[in-house]
Amino acid sequence: MKDTHDSAGHGWGSGHAEAVAVAAPCLGVIMPCYNEAGTVDAIIGRVLAEPVVAELIAVDDGSTDGTGDRLEAWARREPRVRFLRHEANRGKGAAIRTGLAAARAGSDHPGRGPRV
């Protein structure tokens, strides 16, 4: 492998790969949401733009501003998005636990994610 230098003459040396392979989608993202109607579309778009994202589990934690409607719309049009809802606000930790219980990415067992 040859040395690579930028325009200022700084080199990376021969220890770096010349090309980086992109992994197949394998990452599950849990996104707890509470009253994020104004930002949730942009955030989901950015997450799904990452090629390693296999699934996005969006948990609406009792929002009152239409966040759940936005998440439900995403789940209808994008197969990687799964939408779960808490009828009342139970807190971020509860929303994360709900998402973990539903995770599939990286698992050989549907409905159960890997233990970390």
PDB file of N, CA and C in Angstrom:
ATOM      1  N   MET A   1       0.850  -1.172   0.000  1.00  0.00           N
ATOM      2  CA  MET A   1       0.000   0.000   0.000  1.00  0.00           C
ATOM      3  C   MET A   1       0.893   1.230   0.000  1.00  0.00           C
ATOM      4  N   LYS A   2       0.560   2.215  -0.790  1.00  0.00           N
ATOM      5  CA  LYS A   2       1.383   3.406  -0.910  1.00  0.00           C
ATOM      6  C   LYS A   2       1.027   4.424   0.169  1.00  0.00           C
ATOM      7  N   ASP A   3       1.977   5.308   0.461  1.00  0.00           N
ATOM      8  CA  ASP A   3       1.700   6.418   1.361  1.00  0.00           C
ATOM      9  C   ASP A   3       0.742   7.381   0.669  1.00  0.00           C
ATOM     10  N   THR A   4      -0.185   7.929   1.443  1.00  0.00           N
ATOM     11  CA  THR A   4      -1.131   8.902   0.910  1.00  0.00           C
ATOM     12  C   THR A   4      -0.922  10.203   1.647  1.00  0.00           C
ATOM     13  N   HIS A   5      -0.817  11.285   0.904  1.00  0.00           N
ATOM     14  CA  HIS A   5      -0.593  12.601   1.493  1.00  0.00           C
ATOM     15  C   HIS A   5      -1.684  13.551   1.037  1.00  0.00           C
ATOM     16  N   ASP A   6      -2.083  14.454   1.938  1.00  0.00           N
ATOM     17  CA  ASP A   6      -3.036  15.491   1.533  1.00  0.00           C
ATOM     18  C   ASP A   6      -2.276  16.645   0.894  1.00  0.00           C
ATOM     19  N   SER A   7      -2.995  17.703   0.509  1.00  0.00           N
ATOM     20  CA  SER A   7      -2.365  18.818  -0.205  1.00  0.00           C
ATOM     21  C   SER A   7      -1.322  19.548   0.636  1.00  0.00           C
ATOM     22  N   ALA A   8      -1.382  19.417   1.965  1.00  0.00           N
ATOM     23  CA  ALA A   8      -0.402  20.076   2.831  1.00  0.00           C
ATOM     24  C   ALA A   8       0.805  19.187   3.090  1.00  0.00           C
ATOM     25  N   GLY A   9       0.795  17.975   2.520  1.00  0.00           N
ATOM     26  CA  GLY A   9       1.934  17.085   2.685  1.00  0.00           C
ATOM     27  C   GLY A   9       1.846  16.188   3.908  1.00  0.00           C
ATOM     28  N   HIS A  10       0.705  16.207   4.598  1.00  0.00           N
ATOM     29  CA  HIS A  10       0.529  15.330   5.752  1.00  0.00           C
ATOM     30  C   HIS A  10       0.206  13.920   5.275  1.00  0.00           C
ATOM     31  N   GLY A  11       0.908  12.954   5.791  1.00  0.00           N
ATOM     32  CA  GLY A  11       0.711  11.580   5.331  1.00  0.00           C
ATOM     33  C   GLY A  11      -0.055  10.729   6.321  1.00  0.00           C
ATOM     34  N   TRP A  12      -0.706   9.734   5.802  1.00  0.00           N
ATOM     35  CA  TRP A  12      -1.406   8.759   6.638  1.00  0.00           C
ATOM     36  C   TRP A  12      -0.527   7.540   6.884  1.00  0.00           C
ATOM     37  N   GLY A  13       0.501   7.344   6.079  1.00  0.00           N
ATOM     38  CA  GLY A  13       1.346   6.172   6.217  1.00  0.00           C
ATOM     39  C   GLY A  13       0.731   4.973   5.528  1.00  0.00           C
ATOM     40  N   SER A  14       1.321   3.820   5.731  1.00  0.00           N
ATOM     41  CA  SER A  14       0.851   2.627   5.036  1.00  0.00           C
ATOM     42  C   SER A  14      -0.060   1.767   5.899  1.00  0.00           C
ATOM     43  N   GLY A  15      -0.413   2.230   7.089  1.00  0.00           N
ATOM     44  CA  GLY A  15      -1.245   1.428   7.979  1.00  0.00           C
ATOM     45  C   GLY A  15      -2.735   1.559   7.749  1.00  0.00           C
ATOM     46  N   HIS A  16      -3.165   2.426   6.849  1.00  0.00           N
ATOM     47  CA  HIS A  16      -4.594   2.650   6.622  1.00  0.00           C
ATOM     48  C   HIS A  16      -5.038   2.019   5.315  1.00  0.00           C
ATOM     49  N   ALA A  17      -6.229   1.507   5.304  1.00  0.00           N
ATOM     50  CA  ALA A  17      -6.791   0.931   4.082  1.00  0.00           C
ATOM     51  C   ALA A  17      -7.098   2.037   3.086  1.00  0.00           C
ATOM     52  N   GLU A  18      -6.952   1.727   1.826  1.00  0.00           N
ATOM     53  CA  GLU A  18      -7.241   2.705   0.785  1.00  0.00           C
ATOM     54  C   GLU A  18      -8.738   2.833   0.533  1.00  0.00           C
ATOM     55  N   ALA A  19      -9.501   1.790   0.773  1.00  0.00           N
ATOM     56  CA  ALA A  19     -10.948   1.828   0.576  1.00  0.00           C
ATOM     57  C   ALA A  19     -11.609   1.235   1.816  1.00  0.00           C
ATOM     58  N   VAL A  20     -12.745   1.793   2.169  1.00  0.00           N
ATOM     59  CA  VAL A  20     -13.474   1.312   3.326  1.00  0.00           C
ATOM     60  C   VAL A  20     -14.732   0.624   2.838  1.00  0.00           C
ATOM     61  N   ALA A  21     -14.922  -0.616   3.221  1.00  0.00           N
ATOM     62  CA  ALA A  21     -16.119  -1.354   2.833  1.00  0.00           C
ATOM     63  C   ALA A  21     -17.264  -0.964   3.761  1.00  0.00           C
ATOM     64  N   VAL A  22     -18.451  -0.795   3.193  1.00  0.00           N
ATOM     65  CA  VAL A  22     -19.635  -0.472   3.970  1.00  0.00           C
ATOM     66  C   VAL A  22     -20.311  -1.776   4.361  1.00  0.00           C
ATOM     67  N   ALA A  23     -20.566  -1.933   5.643  1.00  0.00           N
ATOM     68  CA  ALA A  23     -21.198  -3.149   6.146  1.00  0.00           C
ATOM     69  C   ALA A  23     -22.651  -3.214   5.704  1.00  0.00           C
ATOM     70  N   ALA A  24     -23.165  -4.425   5.618  1.00  0.00           N
ATOM     71  CA  ALA A  24     -24.584  -4.615   5.332  1.00  0.00           C
ATOM     72  C   ALA A  24     -25.382  -4.063   6.505  1.00  0.00           C
ATOM     73  N   PRO A  25     -26.611  -3.641   6.259  1.00  0.00           N
ATOM     74  CA  PRO A  25     -27.436  -3.116   7.357  1.00  0.00           C
ATOM     75  C   PRO A  25     -27.535  -4.125   8.498  1.00  0.00           C
ATOM     76  N   CYS A  26     -27.145  -3.696   9.690  1.00  0.00           N
ATOM     77  CA  CYS A  26     -27.137  -4.609  10.829  1.00  0.00           C
ATOM     78  C   CYS A  26     -27.463  -3.911  12.145  1.00  0.00           C
ATOM     79  N   LEU A  27     -27.604  -2.604  12.125  1.00  0.00           N
ATOM     80  CA  LEU A  27     -27.765  -1.828  13.341  1.00  0.00           C
ATOM     81  C   LEU A  27     -29.230  -1.505  13.602  1.00  0.00           C
ATOM     82  N   GLY A  28     -29.660  -1.744  14.819  1.00  0.00           N
ATOM     83  CA  GLY A  28     -30.991  -1.332  15.248  1.00  0.00           C
ATOM     84  C   GLY A  28     -30.867  -0.089  16.108  1.00  0.00           C
ATOM     85  N   VAL A  29     -31.670   0.918  15.820  1.00  0.00           N
ATOM     86  CA  VAL A  29     -31.641   2.173  16.553  1.00  0.00           C
ATOM     87  C   VAL A  29     -32.959   2.318  17.307  1.00  0.00           C
ATOM     88  N   ILE A  30     -32.876   2.604  18.593  1.00  0.00           N
ATOM     89  CA  ILE A  30     -34.061   2.861  19.399  1.00  0.00           C
ATOM     90  C   ILE A  30     -34.130   4.358  19.636  1.00  0.00           C
ATOM     91  N   MET A  31     -35.273   4.947  19.288  1.00  0.00           N
ATOM     92  CA  MET A  31     -35.423   6.387  19.397  1.00  0.00           C
ATOM     93  C   MET A  31     -36.638   6.705  20.272  1.00  0.00           C
ATOM     94  N   PRO A  32     -36.397   7.008  21.563  1.00  0.00           N
ATOM     95  CA  PRO A  32     -37.518   7.442  22.402  1.00  0.00           C
ATOM     96  C   PRO A  32     -37.898   8.870  22.026  1.00  0.00           C
ATOM     97  N   CYS A  33     -39.194   9.133  21.924  1.00  0.00           N
ATOM     98  CA  CYS A  33     -39.658  10.456  21.493  1.00  0.00           C
ATOM     99  C   CYS A  33     -40.740  10.977  22.431  1.00  0.00           C
ATOM    100  N   TYR A  34     -40.625  12.246  22.774  1.00  0.00           N
ATOM    101  CA  TYR A  34     -41.677  12.910  23.540  1.00  0.00           C
ATOM    102  C   TYR A  34     -41.803  14.343  23.041  1.00  0.00           C
ATOM    103  N   ASN A  35     -42.935  14.655  22.441  1.00  0.00           N
ATOM    104  CA  ASN A  35     -43.235  15.995  21.927  1.00  0.00           C
ATOM    105  C   ASN A  35     -42.116  16.541  21.033  1.00  0.00           C
ATOM    106  N   GLU A  36     -41.824  15.789  19.962  1.00  0.00           N
ATOM    107  CA  GLU A  36     -40.769  16.146  19.005  1.00  0.00           C
ATOM    108  C   GLU A  36     -41.316  16.339  17.599  1.00  0.00           C
ATOM    109  N   ALA A  37     -42.585  16.715  17.470  1.00  0.00           N
ATOM    110  CA  ALA A  37     -43.203  16.842  16.140  1.00  0.00           C
ATOM    111  C   ALA A  37     -42.424  17.779  15.217  1.00  0.00           C
ATOM    112  N   GLY A  38     -41.822  18.801  15.757  1.00  0.00           N
ATOM    113  CA  GLY A  38     -41.093  19.770  14.949  1.00  0.00           C
ATOM    114  C   GLY A  38     -39.745  19.296  14.442  1.00  0.00           C
ATOM    115  N   THR A  39     -39.195  18.243  15.029  1.00  0.00           N
ATOM    116  CA  THR A  39     -37.846  17.801  14.656  1.00  0.00           C
ATOM    117  C   THR A  39     -37.761  16.346  14.217  1.00  0.00           C
ATOM    118  N   VAL A  40     -38.778  15.556  14.483  1.00  0.00           N
ATOM    119  CA  VAL A  40     -38.671  14.112  14.304  1.00  0.00           C
ATOM    120  C   VAL A  40     -38.456  13.699  12.846  1.00  0.00           C
ATOM    121  N   ASP A  41     -39.056  14.405  11.889  1.00  0.00           N
ATOM    122  CA  ASP A  41     -38.864  14.031  10.483  1.00  0.00           C
ATOM    123  C   ASP A  41     -37.406  14.170  10.062  1.00  0.00           C
ATOM    124  N   ALA A  42     -36.782  15.266  10.426  1.00  0.00           N
ATOM    125  CA  ALA A  42     -35.375  15.478  10.060  1.00  0.00           C
ATOM    126  C   ALA A  42     -34.470  14.452  10.740  1.00  0.00           C
ATOM    127  N   ILE A  43     -34.756  14.147  11.984  1.00  0.00           N
ATOM    128  CA  ILE A  43     -33.925  13.190  12.717  1.00  0.00           C
ATOM    129  C   ILE A  43     -34.032  11.800  12.100  1.00  0.00           C
ATOM    130  N   ILE A  44     -35.252  11.370  11.816  1.00  0.00           N
ATOM    131  CA  ILE A  44     -35.428  10.048  11.209  1.00  0.00           C
ATOM    132  C   ILE A  44     -34.738  10.000   9.852  1.00  0.00           C
ATOM    133  N   GLY A  45     -34.860  11.042   9.067  1.00  0.00           N
ATOM    134  CA  GLY A  45     -34.184  11.089   7.768  1.00  0.00           C
ATOM    135  C   GLY A  45     -32.682  10.926   7.894  1.00  0.00           C
ATOM    136  N   ARG A  46     -32.102  11.564   8.893  1.00  0.00           N
ATOM    137  CA  ARG A  46     -30.642  11.464   9.096  1.00  0.00           C
ATOM    138  C   ARG A  46     -30.241  10.062   9.548  1.00  0.00           C
ATOM    139  N   VAL A  47     -31.030   9.469  10.428  1.00  0.00           N
ATOM    140  CA  VAL A  47     -30.714   8.112  10.901  1.00  0.00           C
ATOM    141  C   VAL A  47     -30.797   7.122   9.743  1.00  0.00           C
ATOM    142  N   LEU A  48     -31.872   7.199   8.958  1.00  0.00           N
ATOM    143  CA  LEU A  48     -32.066   6.251   7.864  1.00  0.00           C
ATOM    144  C   LEU A  48     -31.080   6.452   6.721  1.00  0.00           C
ATOM    145  N   ALA A  49     -30.433   7.598   6.659  1.00  0.00           N
ATOM    146  CA  ALA A  49     -29.419   7.838   5.634  1.00  0.00           C
ATOM    147  C   ALA A  49     -28.151   7.025   5.883  1.00  0.00           C
ATOM    148  N   GLU A  50     -27.993   6.524   7.095  1.00  0.00           N
ATOM    149  CA  GLU A  50     -26.816   5.707   7.423  1.00  0.00           C
ATOM    150  C   GLU A  50     -27.017   4.295   6.882  1.00  0.00           C
ATOM    151  N   PRO A  51     -26.120   3.808   6.041  1.00  0.00           N
ATOM    152  CA  PRO A  51     -26.328   2.513   5.384  1.00  0.00           C
ATOM    153  C   PRO A  51     -26.325   1.309   6.319  1.00  0.00           C
ATOM    154  N   VAL A  52     -25.804   1.436   7.525  1.00  0.00           N
ATOM    155  CA  VAL A  52     -25.772   0.289   8.434  1.00  0.00           C
ATOM    156  C   VAL A  52     -27.064   0.118   9.230  1.00  0.00           C
ATOM    157  N   VAL A  53     -28.007   1.046   9.109  1.00  0.00           N
ATOM    158  CA  VAL A  53     -29.237   0.975   9.899  1.00  0.00           C
ATOM    159  C   VAL A  53     -30.204  -0.024   9.268  1.00  0.00           C
ATOM    160  N   ALA A  54     -30.466  -1.098  10.003  1.00  0.00           N
ATOM    161  CA  ALA A  54     -31.408  -2.127   9.557  1.00  0.00           C
ATOM    162  C   ALA A  54     -32.819  -1.826  10.029  1.00  0.00           C
ATOM    163  N   GLU A  55     -32.935  -1.239  11.217  1.00  0.00           N
ATOM    164  CA  GLU A  55     -34.252  -0.899  11.742  1.00  0.00           C
ATOM    165  C   GLU A  55     -34.149   0.288  12.683  1.00  0.00           C
ATOM    166  N   LEU A  56     -35.203   1.072  12.684  1.00  0.00           N
ATOM    167  CA  LEU A  56     -35.343   2.200  13.596  1.00  0.00           C
ATOM    168  C   LEU A  56     -36.633   1.971  14.367  1.00  0.00           C
ATOM    169  N   ILE A  57     -36.506   1.787  15.661  1.00  0.00           N
ATOM    170  CA  ILE A  57     -37.668   1.593  16.515  1.00  0.00           C
ATOM    171  C   ILE A  57     -37.946   2.917  17.201  1.00  0.00           C
ATOM    172  N   ALA A  58     -39.040   3.551  16.792  1.00  0.00           N
ATOM    173  CA  ALA A  58     -39.425   4.844  17.339  1.00  0.00           C
ATOM    174  C   ALA A  58     -40.527   4.618  18.368  1.00  0.00           C
ATOM    175  N   VAL A  59     -40.261   5.019  19.598  1.00  0.00           N
ATOM    176  CA  VAL A  59     -41.220   4.843  20.684  1.00  0.00           C
ATOM    177  C   VAL A  59     -41.753   6.214  21.086  1.00  0.00           C
ATOM    178  N   ASP A  60     -43.038   6.449  20.798  1.00  0.00           N
ATOM    179  CA  ASP A  60     -43.679   7.684  21.226  1.00  0.00           C
ATOM    180  C   ASP A  60     -44.094   7.509  22.680  1.00  0.00           C
ATOM    181  N   ASP A  61     -43.566   8.342  23.541  1.00  0.00           N
ATOM    182  CA  ASP A  61     -43.793   8.214  24.982  1.00  0.00           C
ATOM    183  C   ASP A  61     -44.891   9.169  25.459  1.00  0.00           C
ATOM    184  N   GLY A  62     -46.083   9.008  24.879  1.00  0.00           N
ATOM    185  CA  GLY A  62     -47.225   9.793  25.326  1.00  0.00           C
ATOM    186  C   GLY A  62     -47.234  11.231  24.847  1.00  0.00           C
ATOM    187  N   SER A  63     -46.667  11.492  23.682  1.00  0.00           N
ATOM    188  CA  SER A  63     -46.634  12.862  23.154  1.00  0.00           C
ATOM    189  C   SER A  63     -48.036  13.411  22.953  1.00  0.00           C
ATOM    190  N   THR A  64     -48.142  14.737  23.073  1.00  0.00           N
ATOM    191  CA  THR A  64     -49.424  15.417  22.886  1.00  0.00           C
ATOM    192  C   THR A  64     -49.392  16.415  21.732  1.00  0.00           C
ATOM    193  N   ASP A  65     -48.294  16.432  20.955  1.00  0.00           N
ATOM    194  CA  ASP A  65     -48.122  17.444  19.911  1.00  0.00           C
ATOM    195  C   ASP A  65     -48.162  16.894  18.488  1.00  0.00           C
ATOM    196  N   GLY A  66     -48.565  15.655  18.302  1.00  0.00           N
ATOM    197  CA  GLY A  66     -48.600  15.072  16.963  1.00  0.00           C
ATOM    198  C   GLY A  66     -47.381  14.252  16.601  1.00  0.00           C
ATOM    199  N   THR A  67     -46.453  14.087  17.526  1.00  0.00           N
ATOM    200  CA  THR A  67     -45.265  13.268  17.262  1.00  0.00           C
ATOM    201  C   THR A  67     -45.661  11.858  16.839  1.00  0.00           C
ATOM    202  N   GLY A  68     -46.606  11.271  17.527  1.00  0.00           N
ATOM    203  CA  GLY A  68     -47.050   9.907  17.199  1.00  0.00           C
ATOM    204  C   GLY A  68     -47.573   9.802  15.779  1.00  0.00           C
ATOM    205  N   ASP A  69     -48.292  10.809  15.318  1.00  0.00           N
ATOM    206  CA  ASP A  69     -48.804  10.809  13.946  1.00  0.00           C
ATOM    207  C   ASP A  69     -47.661  10.831  12.940  1.00  0.00           C
ATOM    208  N   ARG A  70     -46.624  11.632  13.217  1.00  0.00           N
ATOM    209  CA  ARG A  70     -45.453  11.698  12.335  1.00  0.00           C
ATOM    210  C   ARG A  70     -44.743  10.337  12.294  1.00  0.00           C
ATOM    211  N   LEU A  71     -44.570   9.724  13.464  1.00  0.00           N
ATOM    212  CA  LEU A  71     -43.899   8.428  13.530  1.00  0.00           C
ATOM    213  C   LEU A  71     -44.704   7.352  12.810  1.00  0.00           C
ATOM    214  N   GLU A  72     -46.004   7.370  13.004  1.00  0.00           N
ATOM    215  CA  GLU A  72     -46.870   6.394  12.345  1.00  0.00           C
ATOM    216  C   GLU A  72     -46.785   6.536  10.822  1.00  0.00           C
ATOM    217  N   ALA A  73     -46.724   7.762  10.328  1.00  0.00           N
ATOM    218  CA  ALA A  73     -46.592   7.995   8.888  1.00  0.00           C
ATOM    219  C   ALA A  73     -45.280   7.422   8.361  1.00  0.00           C
ATOM    220  N   TRP A  74     -44.195   7.620   9.109  1.00  0.00           N
ATOM    221  CA  TRP A  74     -42.905   7.042   8.709  1.00  0.00           C
ATOM    222  C   TRP A  74     -42.993   5.528   8.642  1.00  0.00           C
ATOM    223  N   ALA A  75     -43.601   4.910   9.646  1.00  0.00           N
ATOM    224  CA  ALA A  75     -43.691   3.449   9.695  1.00  0.00           C
ATOM    225  C   ALA A  75     -44.514   2.902   8.525  1.00  0.00           C
ATOM    226  N   ARG A  76     -45.501   3.652   8.065  1.00  0.00           N
ATOM    227  CA  ARG A  76     -46.319   3.203   6.930  1.00  0.00           C
ATOM    228  C   ARG A  76     -45.543   3.234   5.615  1.00  0.00           C
ATOM    229  N   ARG A  77     -44.618   4.186   5.462  1.00  0.00           N
ATOM    230  CA  ARG A  77     -43.942   4.328   4.165  1.00  0.00           C
ATOM    231  C   ARG A  77     -42.508   3.801   4.132  1.00  0.00           C
ATOM    232  N   GLU A  78     -41.939   3.511   5.272  1.00  0.00           N
ATOM    233  CA  GLU A  78     -40.532   3.069   5.314  1.00  0.00           C
ATOM    234  C   GLU A  78     -40.456   1.757   6.113  1.00  0.00           C
ATOM    235  N   PRO A  79     -40.140   0.654   5.445  1.00  0.00           N
ATOM    236  CA  PRO A  79     -40.160  -0.652   6.125  1.00  0.00           C
ATOM    237  C   PRO A  79     -39.146  -0.804   7.262  1.00  0.00           C
ATOM    238  N   ARG A  80     -38.118   0.025   7.301  1.00  0.00           N
ATOM    239  CA  ARG A  80     -37.149  -0.085   8.396  1.00  0.00           C
ATOM    240  C   ARG A  80     -37.622   0.589   9.675  1.00  0.00           C
ATOM    241  N   VAL A  81     -38.697   1.369   9.601  1.00  0.00           N
ATOM    242  CA  VAL A  81     -39.198   2.088  10.775  1.00  0.00           C
ATOM    243  C   VAL A  81     -40.327   1.294  11.421  1.00  0.00           C
ATOM    244  N   ARG A  82     -40.181   1.065  12.718  1.00  0.00           N
ATOM    245  CA  ARG A  82     -41.229   0.437  13.518  1.00  0.00           C
ATOM    246  C   ARG A  82     -41.689   1.456  14.551  1.00  0.00           C
ATOM    247  N   PHE A  83     -42.991   1.557  14.720  1.00  0.00           N
ATOM    248  CA  PHE A  83     -43.582   2.559  15.597  1.00  0.00           C
ATOM    249  C   PHE A  83     -44.272   1.878  16.775  1.00  0.00           C
ATOM    250  N   LEU A  84     -43.900   2.297  17.972  1.00  0.00           N
ATOM    251  CA  LEU A  84     -44.529   1.820  19.206  1.00  0.00           C
ATOM    252  C   LEU A  84     -44.988   3.033  19.992  1.00  0.00           C
ATOM    253  N   ARG A  85     -46.053   2.864  20.780  1.00  0.00           N
ATOM    254  CA  ARG A  85     -46.606   4.018  21.480  1.00  0.00           C
ATOM    255  C   ARG A  85     -46.928   3.675  22.933  1.00  0.00           C
ATOM    256  N   HIS A  86     -46.551   4.582  23.813  1.00  0.00           N
ATOM    257  CA  HIS A  86     -47.032   4.578  25.193  1.00  0.00           C
ATOM    258  C   HIS A  86     -48.212   5.548  25.230  1.00  0.00           C
ATOM    259  N   GLU A  87     -49.329   5.122  25.751  1.00  0.00           N
ATOM    260  CA  GLU A  87     -50.506   6.005  25.804  1.00  0.00           C
ATOM    261  C   GLU A  87     -50.277   7.188  26.749  1.00  0.00           C
ATOM    262  N   ALA A  88     -49.474   6.987  27.777  1.00  0.00           N
ATOM    263  CA  ALA A  88     -49.140   8.059  28.719  1.00  0.00           C
ATOM    264  C   ALA A  88     -47.623   8.142  28.828  1.00  0.00           C
ATOM    265  N   ASN A  89     -47.115   9.308  29.183  1.00  0.00           N
ATOM    266  CA  ASN A  89     -45.681   9.489  29.350  1.00  0.00           C
ATOM    267  C   ASN A  89     -45.187   8.647  30.512  1.00  0.00           C
ATOM    268  N   ARG A  90     -44.234   7.760  30.218  1.00  0.00           N
ATOM    269  CA  ARG A  90     -43.672   6.873  31.236  1.00  0.00           C
ATOM    270  C   ARG A  90     -42.191   7.145  31.471  1.00  0.00           C
ATOM    271  N   GLY A  91     -41.622   8.045  30.698  1.00  0.00           N
ATOM    272  CA  GLY A  91     -40.218   8.400  30.871  1.00  0.00           C
ATOM    273  C   GLY A  91     -39.318   7.740  29.832  1.00  0.00           C
ATOM    274  N   LYS A  92     -38.152   8.356  29.657  1.00  0.00           N
ATOM    275  CA  LYS A  92     -37.197   7.909  28.643  1.00  0.00           C
ATOM    276  C   LYS A  92     -36.743   6.467  28.868  1.00  0.00           C
ATOM    277  N   GLY A  93     -36.479   6.109  30.110  1.00  0.00           N
ATOM    278  CA  GLY A  93     -36.025   4.747  30.400  1.00  0.00           C
ATOM    279  C   GLY A  93     -37.047   3.703  29.996  1.00  0.00           C
ATOM    280  N   ALA A  94     -38.310   3.978  30.275  1.00  0.00           N
ATOM    281  CA  ALA A  94     -39.374   3.043  29.892  1.00  0.00           C
ATOM    282  C   ALA A  94     -39.478   2.936  28.377  1.00  0.00           C
ATOM    283  N   ALA A  95     -39.321   4.056  27.678  1.00  0.00           N
ATOM    284  CA  ALA A  95     -39.379   4.034  26.213  1.00  0.00           C
ATOM    285  C   ALA A  95     -38.214   3.222  25.642  1.00  0.00           C
ATOM    286  N   ILE A  96     -37.051   3.352  26.228  1.00  0.00           N
ATOM    287  CA  ILE A  96     -35.895   2.562  25.772  1.00  0.00           C
ATOM    288  C   ILE A  96     -36.132   1.082  26.035  1.00  0.00           C
ATOM    289  N   ARG A  97     -36.653   0.737  27.201  1.00  0.00           N
ATOM    290  CA  ARG A  97     -36.940  -0.680  27.498  1.00  0.00           C
ATOM    291  C   ARG A  97     -37.976  -1.249  26.537  1.00  0.00           C
ATOM    292  N   THR A  98     -38.980  -0.464  26.197  1.00  0.00           N
ATOM    293  CA  THR A  98     -39.980  -0.909  25.219  1.00  0.00           C
ATOM    294  C   THR A  98     -39.318  -1.182  23.876  1.00  0.00           C
ATOM    295  N   GLY A  99     -38.437  -0.289  23.450  1.00  0.00           N
ATOM    296  CA  GLY A  99     -37.723  -0.482  22.193  1.00  0.00           C
ATOM    297  C   GLY A  99     -36.809  -1.686  22.211  1.00  0.00           C
ATOM    298  N   LEU A 100     -36.101  -1.876  23.311  1.00  0.00           N
ATOM    299  CA  LEU A 100     -35.214  -3.045  23.433  1.00  0.00           C
ATOM    300  C   LEU A 100     -35.994  -4.349  23.331  1.00  0.00           C
ATOM    301  N   ALA A 101     -37.159  -4.388  23.954  1.00  0.00           N
ATOM    302  CA  ALA A 101     -37.976  -5.600  23.927  1.00  0.00           C
ATOM    303  C   ALA A 101     -38.449  -5.931  22.512  1.00  0.00           C
ATOM    304  N   ALA A 102     -38.546  -4.927  21.651  1.00  0.00           N
ATOM    305  CA  ALA A 102     -39.040  -5.127  20.293  1.00  0.00           C
ATOM    306  C   ALA A 102     -37.927  -5.257  19.255  1.00  0.00           C
ATOM    307  N   ALA A 103     -36.675  -5.062  19.638  1.00  0.00           N
ATOM    308  CA  ALA A 103     -35.559  -5.022  18.684  1.00  0.00           C
ATOM    309  C   ALA A 103     -35.356  -6.353  17.982  1.00  0.00           C
ATOM    310  N   ARG A 104     -35.037  -6.259  16.692  1.00  0.00           N
ATOM    311  CA  ARG A 104     -34.764  -7.441  15.870  1.00  0.00           C
ATOM    312  C   ARG A 104     -33.375  -7.419  15.250  1.00  0.00           C
ATOM    313  N   ALA A 105     -32.821  -6.257  14.968  1.00  0.00           N
ATOM    314  CA  ALA A 105     -31.553  -6.150  14.237  1.00  0.00           C
ATOM    315  C   ALA A 105     -30.450  -6.907  14.948  1.00  0.00           C
ATOM    316  N   GLY A 106     -29.675  -7.646  14.182  1.00  0.00           N
ATOM    317  CA  GLY A 106     -28.546  -8.380  14.720  1.00  0.00           C
ATOM    318  C   GLY A 106     -28.929  -9.621  15.499  1.00  0.00           C
ATOM    319  N   SER A 107     -30.171 -10.037  15.383  1.00  0.00           N
ATOM    320  CA  SER A 107     -30.641 -11.176  16.159  1.00  0.00           C
ATOM    321  C   SER A 107     -31.030 -12.324  15.264  1.00  0.00           C
ATOM    322  N   ASP A 108     -30.729 -13.526  15.708  1.00  0.00           N
ATOM    323  CA  ASP A 108     -31.190 -14.722  14.997  1.00  0.00           C
ATOM    324  C   ASP A 108     -32.589 -15.104  15.430  1.00  0.00           C
ATOM    325  N   HIS A 109     -33.096 -14.413  16.442  1.00  0.00           N
ATOM    326  CA  HIS A 109     -34.396 -14.738  17.016  1.00  0.00           C
ATOM    327  C   HIS A 109     -35.331 -13.548  16.814  1.00  0.00           C
ATOM    328  N   PRO A 110     -36.349 -13.686  15.938  1.00  0.00           N
ATOM    329  CA  PRO A 110     -37.256 -12.564  15.705  1.00  0.00           C
ATOM    330  C   PRO A 110     -37.854 -12.047  17.007  1.00  0.00           C
ATOM    331  N   GLY A 111     -37.868 -10.709  17.126  1.00  0.00           N
ATOM    332  CA  GLY A 111     -38.455 -10.089  18.306  1.00  0.00           C
ATOM    333  C   GLY A 111     -37.523  -9.997  19.487  1.00  0.00           C
ATOM    334  N   ARG A 112     -36.298 -10.513  19.366  1.00  0.00           N
ATOM    335  CA  ARG A 112     -35.364 -10.428  20.487  1.00  0.00           C
ATOM    336  C   ARG A 112     -33.990 -10.021  19.972  1.00  0.00           C
ATOM    337  N   GLY A 113     -33.496  -8.925  20.446  1.00  0.00           N
ATOM    338  CA  GLY A 113     -32.195  -8.443  20.022  1.00  0.00           C
ATOM    339  C   GLY A 113     -31.066  -9.152  20.749  1.00  0.00           C
ATOM    340  N   PRO A 114     -29.830  -8.905  20.346  1.00  0.00           N
ATOM    341  CA  PRO A 114     -28.688  -9.533  20.994  1.00  0.00           C
ATOM    342  C   PRO A 114     -28.480  -9.000  22.400  1.00  0.00           C
ATOM    343  N   ARG A 115     -27.964  -9.808  23.270  1.00  0.00           N
ATOM    344  CA  ARG A 115     -27.625  -9.373  24.624  1.00  0.00           C
ATOM    345  C   ARG A 115     -26.310  -8.628  24.569  1.00  0.00           C
ATOM    346  N   VAL A 116     -26.271  -7.466  25.210  1.00  0.00           N
ATOM    347  CA  VAL A 116     -25.014  -6.694  25.235  1.00  0.00           C
ATOM    348  C   VAL A 116     -24.579  -6.458  26.647  1.00  0.00           C
TER     349      VAL A 116
END
